Amino acid sequence: MSDAIKHECGIALIRLRKPFSYYIEKYGTPMYGINKLYLLMEKQHNRGQDGAGVAAVKIGVPEGKRYISRYRSVDPQPISVIFNKINRKFRKALRDNKDKYLDADWILENTAFAGEVLMGHLRYGTHGSNEIENCHPFLRQNNWRSRNLVVAGNFNMTNVDELFNKLVELGQHPKEKNDTVTVLEKIGHFLDEENQLLFNKFKNEFSNHEISSLIEDELDLQRVLMRSCKDFDGGYAMAGMTGYGAAFVARDPAGIRPAYYYADDEVVVVASEKPAIKIAFNINYDQINEIEPGHALIIEKNGDFAQKQFIDQLEKKILQL
């Protein structure tokens, strides 16, 4: 059985673990990941009555090519609105470049949302007006891939004022005072710090171009979360993607907000509800695992994954059935 459905936001994350060409050859389409993300979100549509958003990251595309895409909507039936826009991009690629549509390198370089890391969010507004600026995913951009951060979450932070003040103490000038912005900027700050520490480690031995790749290989997302989330108070299940393709889903230490995952040699999948994963990937409930409270499921750039603790656990607040 799954948890009782509550008035909460929903998250979905998919990481394709094999080369993009594998999915085209096996499933006959470059839309395998996007189609699965649609199913995950549609099966959780009860959580998205006020809006939805989708983001994708491409791994390893050449410089000069876009590698992060995002759409958000607060229209009626926002899931359909977003995926209709995405589908039009793939249809245009097929119409104008039939001979290249199944070429993995070409489709990755030339079609938005043809990526290996995909994130979806369903918004059930608890505060903030129903405007697109309040829709996740939120994006923190930088010209270095390893400093880009995309975050979406099911949040109920109880100490937003404290977190806001922490950002001010760090020297930032936050543009808003809400849980999503404070979470994004707090994690982003320590992501920047880890980048700088690694840059300083390598700067006397390698070129800047070489250092970018070394940072992506060595960046420790567990450490980033340990440093950034220690002051978070409340319930959360938050998904994050970096610009270089590593990703995480972190769950609050009391297990207030749900998060489940399934993994095989092709995919790692996370969602707020078990039935969404079961239906989208045609698996059994016993193949679906819970992300433990106080832990993050961290997926590295190479597709390896593990649950890692980033904060001390508290007494569990809800019963997982």
C-alpha atoms as a PDB file:
ATOM      1  CA  MET A   1       0.000   0.000   0.000  1.00  0.00           C
ATOM      2  CA  SER A   2       1.050   3.595  -0.519  1.00  0.00           C
ATOM      3  CA  ASP A   3       0.770   6.504   1.854  1.00  0.00           C
ATOM      4  CA  ALA A   4      -2.550   8.277   2.066  1.00  0.00           C
ATOM      5  CA  ILE A   5      -2.688  11.047  -0.515  1.00  0.00           C
ATOM      6  CA  LYS A   6      -2.300  14.454   1.114  1.00  0.00           C
ATOM      7  CA  HIS A   7      -2.409  18.014  -0.123  1.00  0.00           C
ATOM      8  CA  GLU A   8       1.300  18.191  -0.852  1.00  0.00           C
ATOM      9  CA  CYS A   9       3.476  19.016  -3.806  1.00  0.00           C
ATOM     10  CA  GLY A  10       4.957  16.129  -5.767  1.00  0.00           C
ATOM     11  CA  ILE A  11       8.362  15.397  -7.258  1.00  0.00           C
ATOM     12  CA  ALA A  12       9.630  13.090  -9.973  1.00  0.00           C
ATOM     13  CA  LEU A  13      13.197  12.415 -11.085  1.00  0.00           C
ATOM     14  CA  ILE A  14      14.587  10.105 -13.758  1.00  0.00           C
ATOM     15  CA  ARG A  15      18.234   9.370 -14.461  1.00  0.00           C
ATOM     16  CA  LEU A  16      19.022   7.399 -17.598  1.00  0.00           C
ATOM     17  CA  ARG A  17      22.047   5.285 -16.662  1.00  0.00           C
ATOM     18  CA  LYS A  18      23.075   4.088 -20.118  1.00  0.00           C
ATOM     19  CA  PRO A  19      24.192   6.082 -23.179  1.00  0.00           C
ATOM     20  CA  PHE A  20      21.325   7.966 -24.824  1.00  0.00           C
ATOM     21  CA  SER A  21      21.741   5.860 -27.966  1.00  0.00           C
ATOM     22  CA  TYR A  22      20.801   2.754 -25.966  1.00  0.00           C
ATOM     23  CA  TYR A  23      17.229   3.966 -25.394  1.00  0.00           C
ATOM     24  CA  ILE A  24      16.803   4.986 -29.018  1.00  0.00           C
ATOM     25  CA  GLU A  25      17.944   1.553 -30.201  1.00  0.00           C
ATOM     26  CA  LYS A  26      15.878  -0.390 -27.647  1.00  0.00           C
ATOM     27  CA  TYR A  27      12.692   1.676 -27.586  1.00  0.00           C
ATOM     28  CA  GLY A  28      12.792   3.229 -31.056  1.00  0.00           C
ATOM     29  CA  THR A  29      12.462   6.821 -29.866  1.00  0.00           C
ATOM     30  CA  PRO A  30      14.556   9.583 -28.298  1.00  0.00           C
ATOM     31  CA  MET A  31      11.550  10.352 -26.069  1.00  0.00           C
ATOM     32  CA  TYR A  32      11.830   7.385 -23.700  1.00  0.00           C
ATOM     33  CA  GLY A  33      12.828   9.511 -20.699  1.00  0.00           C
ATOM     34  CA  ILE A  34      10.307  12.272 -21.386  1.00  0.00           C
ATOM     35  CA  ASN A  35       7.497   9.747 -21.871  1.00  0.00           C
ATOM     36  CA  LYS A  36       8.313   8.079 -18.543  1.00  0.00           C
ATOM     37  CA  LEU A  37       8.467  11.455 -16.778  1.00  0.00           C
ATOM     38  CA  TYR A  38       5.026  12.296 -18.152  1.00  0.00           C
ATOM     39  CA  LEU A  39       3.636   9.067 -16.706  1.00  0.00           C
ATOM     40  CA  LEU A  40       5.233   9.711 -13.315  1.00  0.00           C
ATOM     41  CA  MET A  41       3.720  13.183 -13.184  1.00  0.00           C
ATOM     42  CA  GLU A  42       0.317  12.265 -14.575  1.00  0.00           C
ATOM     43  CA  LYS A  43      -0.058   9.494 -11.985  1.00  0.00           C
ATOM     44  CA  GLN A  44       0.609  12.113  -9.286  1.00  0.00           C
ATOM     45  CA  HIS A  45      -1.522  14.843 -10.873  1.00  0.00           C
ATOM     46  CA  ASN A  46      -3.544  15.239  -7.658  1.00  0.00           C
ATOM     47  CA  ARG A  47      -0.451  16.959  -6.249  1.00  0.00           C
ATOM     48  CA  GLY A  48      -0.280  19.524  -9.064  1.00  0.00           C
ATOM     49  CA  GLN A  49      -3.515  21.461  -8.969  1.00  0.00           C
ATOM     50  CA  ASP A  50      -1.772  24.851  -8.927  1.00  0.00           C
ATOM     51  CA  GLY A  51       1.007  24.334 -11.445  1.00  0.00           C
ATOM     52  CA  ALA A  52       3.757  22.097 -12.732  1.00  0.00           C
ATOM     53  CA  GLY A  53       7.286  22.257 -14.060  1.00  0.00           C
ATOM     54  CA  VAL A  54       9.809  20.126 -15.913  1.00  0.00           C
ATOM     55  CA  ALA A  55      13.573  20.448 -16.311  1.00  0.00           C
ATOM     56  CA  ALA A  56      16.202  18.384 -18.101  1.00  0.00           C
ATOM     57  CA  VAL A  57      19.995  18.213 -18.076  1.00  0.00           C
ATOM     58  CA  LYS A  58      22.104  16.814 -20.918  1.00  0.00           C
ATOM     59  CA  ILE A  59      25.414  15.172 -20.028  1.00  0.00           C
ATOM     60  CA  GLY A  60      28.516  15.850 -22.068  1.00  0.00           C
ATOM     61  CA  VAL A  61      27.175  17.925 -24.959  1.00  0.00           C
ATOM     62  CA  PRO A  62      29.779  20.164 -26.642  1.00  0.00           C
ATOM     63  CA  GLU A  63      30.432  23.737 -25.574  1.00  0.00           C
ATOM     64  CA  GLY A  64      28.047  26.151 -27.261  1.00  0.00           C
ATOM     65  CA  LYS A  65      25.080  23.790 -26.952  1.00  0.00           C
ATOM     66  CA  ARG A  66      22.337  24.263 -24.385  1.00  0.00           C
ATOM     67  CA  TYR A  67      22.383  21.582 -21.725  1.00  0.00           C
ATOM     68  CA  ILE A  68      19.626  22.716 -19.348  1.00  0.00           C
ATOM     69  CA  SER A  69      15.975  23.129 -20.356  1.00  0.00           C
ATOM     70  CA  ARG A  70      12.987  24.120 -18.244  1.00  0.00           C
ATOM     71  CA  TYR A  71       9.265  24.720 -18.713  1.00  0.00           C
ATOM     72  CA  ARG A  72       6.757  25.745 -16.044  1.00  0.00           C
ATOM     73  CA  SER A  73       3.011  26.361 -16.210  1.00  0.00           C
ATOM     74  CA  VAL A  74       0.165  27.576 -14.003  1.00  0.00           C
ATOM     75  CA  ASP A  75      -2.418  27.069 -16.739  1.00  0.00           C
ATOM     76  CA  PRO A  76      -5.348  24.732 -16.208  1.00  0.00           C
ATOM     77  CA  GLN A  77      -4.082  21.162 -16.750  1.00  0.00           C
ATOM     78  CA  PRO A  78      -0.439  22.299 -16.510  1.00  0.00           C
ATOM     79  CA  ILE A  79       1.035  18.819 -17.100  1.00  0.00           C
ATOM     80  CA  SER A  80      -0.634  18.599 -20.510  1.00  0.00           C
ATOM     81  CA  VAL A  81       0.381  22.151 -21.385  1.00  0.00           C
ATOM     82  CA  ILE A  82       4.051  21.505 -20.603  1.00  0.00           C
ATOM     83  CA  PHE A  83       4.340  18.145 -22.343  1.00  0.00           C
ATOM     84  CA  ASN A  84       2.485  19.388 -25.425  1.00  0.00           C
ATOM     85  CA  LYS A  85       5.166  22.080 -25.747  1.00  0.00           C
ATOM     86  CA  ILE A  86       7.939  19.523 -25.269  1.00  0.00           C
ATOM     87  CA  ASN A  87       6.367  17.100 -27.733  1.00  0.00           C
ATOM     88  CA  ARG A  88       6.209  19.849 -30.364  1.00  0.00           C
ATOM     89  CA  LYS A  89       9.982  20.204 -30.169  1.00  0.00           C
ATOM     90  CA  PHE A  90      10.471  16.517 -30.892  1.00  0.00           C
ATOM     91  CA  ARG A  91       7.887  16.580 -33.685  1.00  0.00           C
ATOM     92  CA  LYS A  92       9.698  19.524 -35.279  1.00  0.00           C
ATOM     93  CA  ALA A  93      13.002  17.648 -35.063  1.00  0.00           C
ATOM     94  CA  LEU A  94      11.405  14.643 -36.763  1.00  0.00           C
ATOM     95  CA  ARG A  95       9.707  16.738 -39.433  1.00  0.00           C
ATOM     96  CA  ASP A  96      12.774  18.787 -40.335  1.00  0.00           C
ATOM     97  CA  ASN A  97      15.511  16.171 -39.811  1.00  0.00           C
ATOM     98  CA  LYS A  98      14.062  12.714 -40.374  1.00  0.00           C
ATOM     99  CA  ASP A  99      17.459  11.249 -41.186  1.00  0.00           C
ATOM    100  CA  LYS A 100      18.923  12.494 -37.872  1.00  0.00           C
ATOM    101  CA  TYR A 101      16.001  11.991 -35.518  1.00  0.00           C
ATOM    102  CA  LEU A 102      17.387   8.676 -34.243  1.00  0.00           C
ATOM    103  CA  ASP A 103      20.972   9.940 -34.111  1.00  0.00           C
ATOM    104  CA  ALA A 104      21.653  10.240 -30.374  1.00  0.00           C
ATOM    105  CA  ASP A 105      24.413  12.836 -30.678  1.00  0.00           C
ATOM    106  CA  TRP A 106      22.397  15.030 -33.016  1.00  0.00           C
ATOM    107  CA  ILE A 107      19.175  14.892 -31.005  1.00  0.00           C
ATOM    108  CA  LEU A 108      21.014  15.661 -27.759  1.00  0.00           C
ATOM    109  CA  GLU A 109      22.736  18.663 -29.294  1.00  0.00           C
ATOM    110  CA  ASN A 110      19.715  20.064 -31.112  1.00  0.00           C
ATOM    111  CA  THR A 111      16.519  19.206 -29.218  1.00  0.00           C
ATOM    112  CA  ALA A 112      15.548  20.573 -25.830  1.00  0.00           C
ATOM    113  CA  PHE A 113      14.528  18.045 -23.138  1.00  0.00           C
ATOM    114  CA  ALA A 114      16.400  15.207 -24.874  1.00  0.00           C
ATOM    115  CA  GLY A 115      18.509  14.671 -21.784  1.00  0.00           C
ATOM    116  CA  GLU A 116      19.702  11.968 -19.418  1.00  0.00           C
ATOM    117  CA  VAL A 117      18.533  13.658 -16.195  1.00  0.00           C
ATOM    118  CA  LEU A 118      14.883  14.689 -15.978  1.00  0.00           C
ATOM    119  CA  MET A 119      12.960  16.372 -13.178  1.00  0.00           C
ATOM    120  CA  GLY A 120       9.272  17.086 -12.698  1.00  0.00           C
ATOM    121  CA  HIS A 121       7.377  19.030 -10.060  1.00  0.00           C
ATOM    122  CA  LEU A 122       3.696  19.284  -9.209  1.00  0.00           C
ATOM    123  CA  ARG A 123       2.671  22.351  -7.227  1.00  0.00           C
ATOM    124  CA  TYR A 124      -0.016  22.361  -4.590  1.00  0.00           C
ATOM    125  CA  GLY A 125       0.292  25.917  -3.321  1.00  0.00           C
ATOM    126  CA  THR A 126       0.325  26.437   0.429  1.00  0.00           C
ATOM    127  CA  HIS A 127       1.657  29.986   0.339  1.00  0.00           C
ATOM    128  CA  GLY A 128       2.591  32.420  -2.352  1.00  0.00           C
ATOM    129  CA  SER A 129       0.359  33.508  -5.188  1.00  0.00           C
ATOM    130  CA  ASN A 130      -0.458  31.189  -8.049  1.00  0.00           C
ATOM    131  CA  GLU A 131       2.091  32.702 -10.427  1.00  0.00           C
ATOM    132  CA  ILE A 132       4.684  31.040 -12.616  1.00  0.00           C
ATOM    133  CA  GLU A 133       7.517  32.540 -10.530  1.00  0.00           C
ATOM    134  CA  ASN A 134       6.357  30.322  -7.650  1.00  0.00           C
ATOM    135  CA  CYS A 135       6.480  27.165  -9.757  1.00  0.00           C
ATOM    136  CA  HIS A 136       9.367  24.739  -9.404  1.00  0.00           C
ATOM    137  CA  PRO A 137      11.894  23.747 -10.636  1.00  0.00           C
ATOM    138  CA  PHE A 138      13.978  26.747  -9.608  1.00  0.00           C
ATOM    139  CA  LEU A 139      17.214  27.344 -11.486  1.00  0.00           C
ATOM    140  CA  ARG A 140      20.489  28.832 -10.241  1.00  0.00           C
ATOM    141  CA  GLN A 141      22.605  29.520 -13.301  1.00  0.00           C
ATOM    142  CA  ASN A 142      26.320  29.841 -13.878  1.00  0.00           C
ATOM    143  CA  ASN A 143      28.660  29.555 -16.849  1.00  0.00           C
ATOM    144  CA  TRP A 144      30.455  26.633 -15.145  1.00  0.00           C
ATOM    145  CA  ARG A 145      28.389  23.455 -15.404  1.00  0.00           C
ATOM    146  CA  SER A 146      29.316  22.282 -11.929  1.00  0.00           C
ATOM    147  CA  ARG A 147      27.904  25.476 -10.375  1.00  0.00           C
ATOM    148  CA  ASN A 148      24.490  25.203 -12.030  1.00  0.00           C
ATOM    149  CA  LEU A 149      21.742  23.935  -9.744  1.00  0.00           C
ATOM    150  CA  VAL A 150      18.116  23.013 -10.424  1.00  0.00           C
ATOM    151  CA  VAL A 151      15.900  22.358  -7.397  1.00  0.00           C
ATOM    152  CA  ALA A 152      12.300  21.239  -6.936  1.00  0.00           C
ATOM    153  CA  GLY A 153      10.734  20.091  -3.728  1.00  0.00           C
ATOM    154  CA  ASN A 154       7.853  19.217  -1.490  1.00  0.00           C
ATOM    155  CA  PHE A 155       8.632  21.743   1.253  1.00  0.00           C
ATOM    156  CA  ASN A 156       7.179  22.924   4.507  1.00  0.00           C
ATOM    157  CA  MET A 157      10.036  24.826   6.135  1.00  0.00           C
ATOM    158  CA  THR A 158       9.209  26.212   9.561  1.00  0.00           C
ATOM    159  CA  ASN A 159      12.228  28.501   9.939  1.00  0.00           C
ATOM    160  CA  VAL A 160      12.245  30.515   6.715  1.00  0.00           C
ATOM    161  CA  ASP A 161      13.127  33.745   8.546  1.00  0.00           C
ATOM    162  CA  GLU A 162      16.152  32.100  10.142  1.00  0.00           C
ATOM    163  CA  LEU A 163      17.301  30.633   6.824  1.00  0.00           C
ATOM    164  CA  PHE A 164      16.849  34.012   5.133  1.00  0.00           C
ATOM    165  CA  ASN A 165      18.980  35.675   7.794  1.00  0.00           C
ATOM    166  CA  LYS A 166      21.659  32.998   7.328  1.00  0.00           C
ATOM    167  CA  LEU A 167      21.875  33.902   3.657  1.00  0.00           C
ATOM    168  CA  VAL A 168      22.254  37.564   4.552  1.00  0.00           C
ATOM    169  CA  GLU A 169      25.027  36.634   7.001  1.00  0.00           C
ATOM    170  CA  LEU A 170      26.773  34.758   4.183  1.00  0.00           C
ATOM    171  CA  GLY A 171      26.814  38.018   2.252  1.00  0.00           C
ATOM    172  CA  GLN A 172      23.965  37.282  -0.148  1.00  0.00           C
ATOM    173  CA  HIS A 173      21.102  39.606  -1.080  1.00  0.00           C
ATOM    174  CA  PRO A 174      18.120  37.246  -1.506  1.00  0.00           C
ATOM    175  CA  LYS A 175      15.445  38.562  -3.841  1.00  0.00           C
ATOM    176  CA  GLU A 176      12.610  36.834  -1.959  1.00  0.00           C
ATOM    177  CA  LYS A 177      11.864  35.384   1.453  1.00  0.00           C
ATOM    178  CA  ASN A 178      10.337  31.960   0.874  1.00  0.00           C
ATOM    179  CA  ASP A 179      11.386  28.381   1.508  1.00  0.00           C
ATOM    180  CA  THR A 180      12.253  27.503  -2.084  1.00  0.00           C
ATOM    181  CA  VAL A 181      14.527  30.482  -2.678  1.00  0.00           C
ATOM    182  CA  THR A 182      16.273  30.054   0.668  1.00  0.00           C
ATOM    183  CA  VAL A 183      16.795  26.326   0.066  1.00  0.00           C
ATOM    184  CA  LEU A 184      18.091  26.907  -3.478  1.00  0.00           C
ATOM    185  CA  GLU A 185      20.485  29.657  -2.433  1.00  0.00           C
ATOM    186  CA  LYS A 186      21.735  27.850   0.678  1.00  0.00           C
ATOM    187  CA  ILE A 187      22.595  24.701  -1.266  1.00  0.00           C
ATOM    188  CA  GLY A 188      23.941  26.804  -4.117  1.00  0.00           C
ATOM    189  CA  HIS A 189      26.259  28.696  -1.774  1.00  0.00           C
ATOM    190  CA  PHE A 190      27.922  25.511  -0.515  1.00  0.00           C
ATOM    191  CA  LEU A 191      27.989  24.052  -4.018  1.00  0.00           C
ATOM    192  CA  ASP A 192      29.983  27.128  -5.023  1.00  0.00           C
ATOM    193  CA  GLU A 193      32.301  26.675  -2.038  1.00  0.00           C
ATOM    194  CA  GLU A 194      33.004  23.042  -2.899  1.00  0.00           C
ATOM    195  CA  ASN A 195      33.745  24.088  -6.467  1.00  0.00           C
ATOM    196  CA  GLN A 196      36.204  26.682  -5.249  1.00  0.00           C
ATOM    197  CA  LEU A 197      37.932  24.268  -2.878  1.00  0.00           C
ATOM    198  CA  LEU A 198      38.461  21.801  -5.708  1.00  0.00           C
ATOM    199  CA  PHE A 199      39.621  24.541  -8.068  1.00  0.00           C
ATOM    200  CA  ASN A 200      42.217  25.640  -5.517  1.00  0.00           C
ATOM    201  CA  LYS A 201      43.335  22.021  -5.124  1.00  0.00           C
ATOM    202  CA  PHE A 202      44.036  21.593  -8.841  1.00  0.00           C
ATOM    203  CA  LYS A 203      44.961  25.087 -10.060  1.00  0.00           C
ATOM    204  CA  ASN A 204      48.733  24.644  -9.900  1.00  0.00           C
ATOM    205  CA  GLU A 205      48.746  21.347 -11.779  1.00  0.00           C
ATOM    206  CA  PHE A 206      46.119  21.569 -14.517  1.00  0.00           C
ATOM    207  CA  SER A 207      44.615  24.003 -17.005  1.00  0.00           C
ATOM    208  CA  ASN A 208      41.264  25.590 -16.189  1.00  0.00           C
ATOM    209  CA  HIS A 209      39.621  23.482 -18.885  1.00  0.00           C
ATOM    210  CA  GLU A 210      40.996  20.302 -17.336  1.00  0.00           C
ATOM    211  CA  ILE A 211      39.981  21.457 -13.861  1.00  0.00           C
ATOM    212  CA  SER A 212      36.315  21.712 -14.897  1.00  0.00           C
ATOM    213  CA  SER A 213      36.232  17.985 -15.640  1.00  0.00           C
ATOM    214  CA  LEU A 214      38.147  17.123 -12.471  1.00  0.00           C
ATOM    215  CA  ILE A 215      35.676  19.096 -10.355  1.00  0.00           C
ATOM    216  CA  GLU A 216      32.754  17.216 -11.897  1.00  0.00           C
ATOM    217  CA  ASP A 217      34.425  13.893 -11.125  1.00  0.00           C
ATOM    218  CA  GLU A 218      35.283  14.735  -7.516  1.00  0.00           C
ATOM    219  CA  LEU A 219      32.519  17.029  -6.279  1.00  0.00           C
ATOM    220  CA  ASP A 220      30.964  15.550  -3.130  1.00  0.00           C
ATOM    221  CA  LEU A 221      27.215  16.233  -3.048  1.00  0.00           C
ATOM    222  CA  GLN A 222      26.875  14.515   0.312  1.00  0.00           C
ATOM    223  CA  ARG A 223      29.231  17.100   1.792  1.00  0.00           C
ATOM    224  CA  VAL A 224      27.321  19.927   0.075  1.00  0.00           C
ATOM    225  CA  LEU A 225      24.059  18.705   1.634  1.00  0.00           C
ATOM    226  CA  MET A 226      25.618  18.153   5.057  1.00  0.00           C
ATOM    227  CA  ARG A 227      26.849  21.732   5.118  1.00  0.00           C
ATOM    228  CA  SER A 228      23.767  23.383   3.601  1.00  0.00           C
ATOM    229  CA  CYS A 229      20.892  21.466   5.227  1.00  0.00           C
ATOM    230  CA  LYS A 230      22.008  21.450   8.856  1.00  0.00           C
ATOM    231  CA  ASP A 231      19.800  24.486   9.627  1.00  0.00           C
ATOM    232  CA  PHE A 232      16.715  23.268   7.750  1.00  0.00           C
ATOM    233  CA  ASP A 233      13.717  22.770  10.033  1.00  0.00           C
ATOM    234  CA  GLY A 234      10.532  21.221   8.711  1.00  0.00           C
ATOM    235  CA  GLY A 235       9.397  18.614   6.268  1.00  0.00           C
ATOM    236  CA  TYR A 236      10.957  18.263   2.843  1.00  0.00           C
ATOM    237  CA  ALA A 237      11.710  15.933  -0.006  1.00  0.00           C
ATOM    238  CA  MET A 238      13.821  17.922  -2.410  1.00  0.00           C
ATOM    239  CA  ALA A 239      15.249  16.947  -5.752  1.00  0.00           C
ATOM    240  CA  GLY A 240      18.290  18.625  -7.240  1.00  0.00           C
ATOM    241  CA  MET A 241      20.211  18.404 -10.501  1.00  0.00           C
ATOM    242  CA  THR A 242      23.612  19.894 -11.227  1.00  0.00           C
ATOM    243  CA  GLY A 243      24.584  21.182 -14.634  1.00  0.00           C
ATOM    244  CA  TYR A 244      27.063  18.355 -15.147  1.00  0.00           C
ATOM    245  CA  GLY A 245      24.499  15.600 -14.562  1.00  0.00           C
ATOM    246  CA  ALA A 246      24.843  14.551 -10.923  1.00  0.00           C
ATOM    247  CA  ALA A 247      21.577  14.608  -8.987  1.00  0.00           C
ATOM    248  CA  PHE A 248      20.110  14.030  -5.545  1.00  0.00           C
ATOM    249  CA  VAL A 249      16.857  13.632  -3.666  1.00  0.00           C
ATOM    250  CA  ALA A 250      17.145  14.556   0.018  1.00  0.00           C
ATOM    251  CA  ARG A 251      14.540  13.723   2.654  1.00  0.00           C
ATOM    252  CA  ASP A 252      13.928  15.469   5.973  1.00  0.00           C
ATOM    253  CA  PRO A 253      15.265  13.779   9.144  1.00  0.00           C
ATOM    254  CA  ALA A 254      11.811  12.898  10.511  1.00  0.00           C
ATOM    255  CA  GLY A 255      10.424  11.457   7.279  1.00  0.00           C
ATOM    256  CA  ILE A 256       7.593  13.981   7.163  1.00  0.00           C
ATOM    257  CA  ARG A 257       7.584  14.194   3.377  1.00  0.00           C
ATOM    258  CA  PRO A 258       7.580  10.970   1.305  1.00  0.00           C
ATOM    259  CA  ALA A 259      10.148   9.911  -1.286  1.00  0.00           C
ATOM    260  CA  TYR A 260      10.546   6.518  -2.976  1.00  0.00           C
ATOM    261  CA  TYR A 261      12.915   5.165  -5.600  1.00  0.00           C
ATOM    262  CA  TYR A 262      13.423   2.301  -8.022  1.00  0.00           C
ATOM    263  CA  ALA A 263      16.653   1.434  -9.808  1.00  0.00           C
ATOM    264  CA  ASP A 264      17.845  -1.053 -12.385  1.00  0.00           C
ATOM    265  CA  ASP A 265      20.650  -1.072 -14.939  1.00  0.00           C
ATOM    266  CA  GLU A 266      18.735   1.377 -17.181  1.00  0.00           C
ATOM    267  CA  VAL A 267      17.255   3.960 -14.827  1.00  0.00           C
ATOM    268  CA  VAL A 268      17.109   5.456 -11.369  1.00  0.00           C
ATOM    269  CA  VAL A 269      13.629   6.817 -10.633  1.00  0.00           C
ATOM    270  CA  VAL A 270      12.291   8.849  -7.701  1.00  0.00           C
ATOM    271  CA  ALA A 271       8.725   9.963  -6.966  1.00  0.00           C
ATOM    272  CA  SER A 272       6.557  11.101  -4.094  1.00  0.00           C
ATOM    273  CA  GLU A 273       4.168   8.165  -4.526  1.00  0.00           C
ATOM    274  CA  LYS A 274       4.839   4.454  -4.984  1.00  0.00           C
ATOM    275  CA  PRO A 275       1.946   3.798  -7.388  1.00  0.00           C
ATOM    276  CA  ALA A 276       3.354   6.297  -9.881  1.00  0.00           C
ATOM    277  CA  ILE A 277       6.635   4.379 -10.072  1.00  0.00           C
ATOM    278  CA  LYS A 278       4.876   1.005 -10.187  1.00  0.00           C
ATOM    279  CA  ILE A 279       2.640   2.003 -13.097  1.00  0.00           C
ATOM    280  CA  ALA A 280       5.195   4.001 -15.078  1.00  0.00           C
ATOM    281  CA  PHE A 281       7.793   1.220 -15.025  1.00  0.00           C
ATOM    282  CA  ASN A 282       5.530  -1.833 -14.762  1.00  0.00           C
ATOM    283  CA  ILE A 283       7.172  -3.191 -11.616  1.00  0.00           C
ATOM    284  CA  ASN A 284       6.048  -4.615  -8.291  1.00  0.00           C
ATOM    285  CA  TYR A 285       5.784  -2.676  -5.057  1.00  0.00           C
ATOM    286  CA  ASP A 286       8.505  -4.798  -3.464  1.00  0.00           C
ATOM    287  CA  GLN A 287      10.965  -3.413  -6.031  1.00  0.00           C
ATOM    288  CA  ILE A 288      10.391   0.127  -4.778  1.00  0.00           C
ATOM    289  CA  ASN A 289      12.477   1.433  -1.892  1.00  0.00           C
ATOM    290  CA  GLU A 290      11.994   4.286   0.532  1.00  0.00           C
ATOM    291  CA  ILE A 291      14.580   7.027   0.821  1.00  0.00           C
ATOM    292  CA  GLU A 292      15.395   6.910   4.500  1.00  0.00           C
ATOM    293  CA  PRO A 293      14.792  10.006   6.659  1.00  0.00           C
ATOM    294  CA  GLY A 294      17.893  12.161   6.928  1.00  0.00           C
ATOM    295  CA  HIS A 295      19.351  10.525   3.819  1.00  0.00           C
ATOM    296  CA  ALA A 296      19.799  11.589   0.234  1.00  0.00           C
ATOM    297  CA  LEU A 297      19.758   9.350  -2.792  1.00  0.00           C
ATOM    298  CA  ILE A 298      22.782  10.696  -4.640  1.00  0.00           C
ATOM    299  CA  ILE A 299      23.297   9.860  -8.310  1.00  0.00           C
ATOM    300  CA  GLU A 300      26.763  10.598  -9.644  1.00  0.00           C
ATOM    301  CA  LYS A 301      27.635  11.843 -13.106  1.00  0.00           C
ATOM    302  CA  ASN A 302      28.540   8.286 -14.168  1.00  0.00           C
ATOM    303  CA  GLY A 303      25.165   6.907 -13.029  1.00  0.00           C
ATOM    304  CA  ASP A 304      26.340   5.252  -9.812  1.00  0.00           C
ATOM    305  CA  PHE A 305      23.972   5.870  -6.907  1.00  0.00           C
ATOM    306  CA  ALA A 306      23.712   5.367  -3.163  1.00  0.00           C
ATOM    307  CA  GLN A 307      21.745   6.539  -0.158  1.00  0.00           C
ATOM    308  CA  LYS A 308      23.955   8.721   2.028  1.00  0.00           C
ATOM    309  CA  GLN A 309      23.128  10.300   5.359  1.00  0.00           C
ATOM    310  CA  PHE A 310      23.452  14.071   5.448  1.00  0.00           C
ATOM    311  CA  ILE A 311      21.735  14.939   8.755  1.00  0.00           C
ATOM    312  CA  ASP A 312      20.919  13.152  12.014  1.00  0.00           C
ATOM    313  CA  GLN A 313      17.623  11.279  11.949  1.00  0.00           C
ATOM    314  CA  LEU A 314      14.729  12.251  14.202  1.00  0.00           C
ATOM    315  CA  GLU A 315      11.772  10.215  15.395  1.00  0.00           C
ATOM    316  CA  LYS A 316       9.694   9.345  12.381  1.00  0.00           C
ATOM    317  CA  LYS A 317       6.543  11.465  12.160  1.00  0.00           C
ATOM    318  CA  ILE A 318       4.448   9.458   9.710  1.00  0.00           C
ATOM    319  CA  LEU A 319       3.708   5.803   9.192  1.00  0.00           C
ATOM    320  CA  GLN A 320       4.935   4.368   5.907  1.00  0.00           C
ATOM    321  CA  LEU A 321       2.559   1.577   4.843  1.00  0.00           C
END
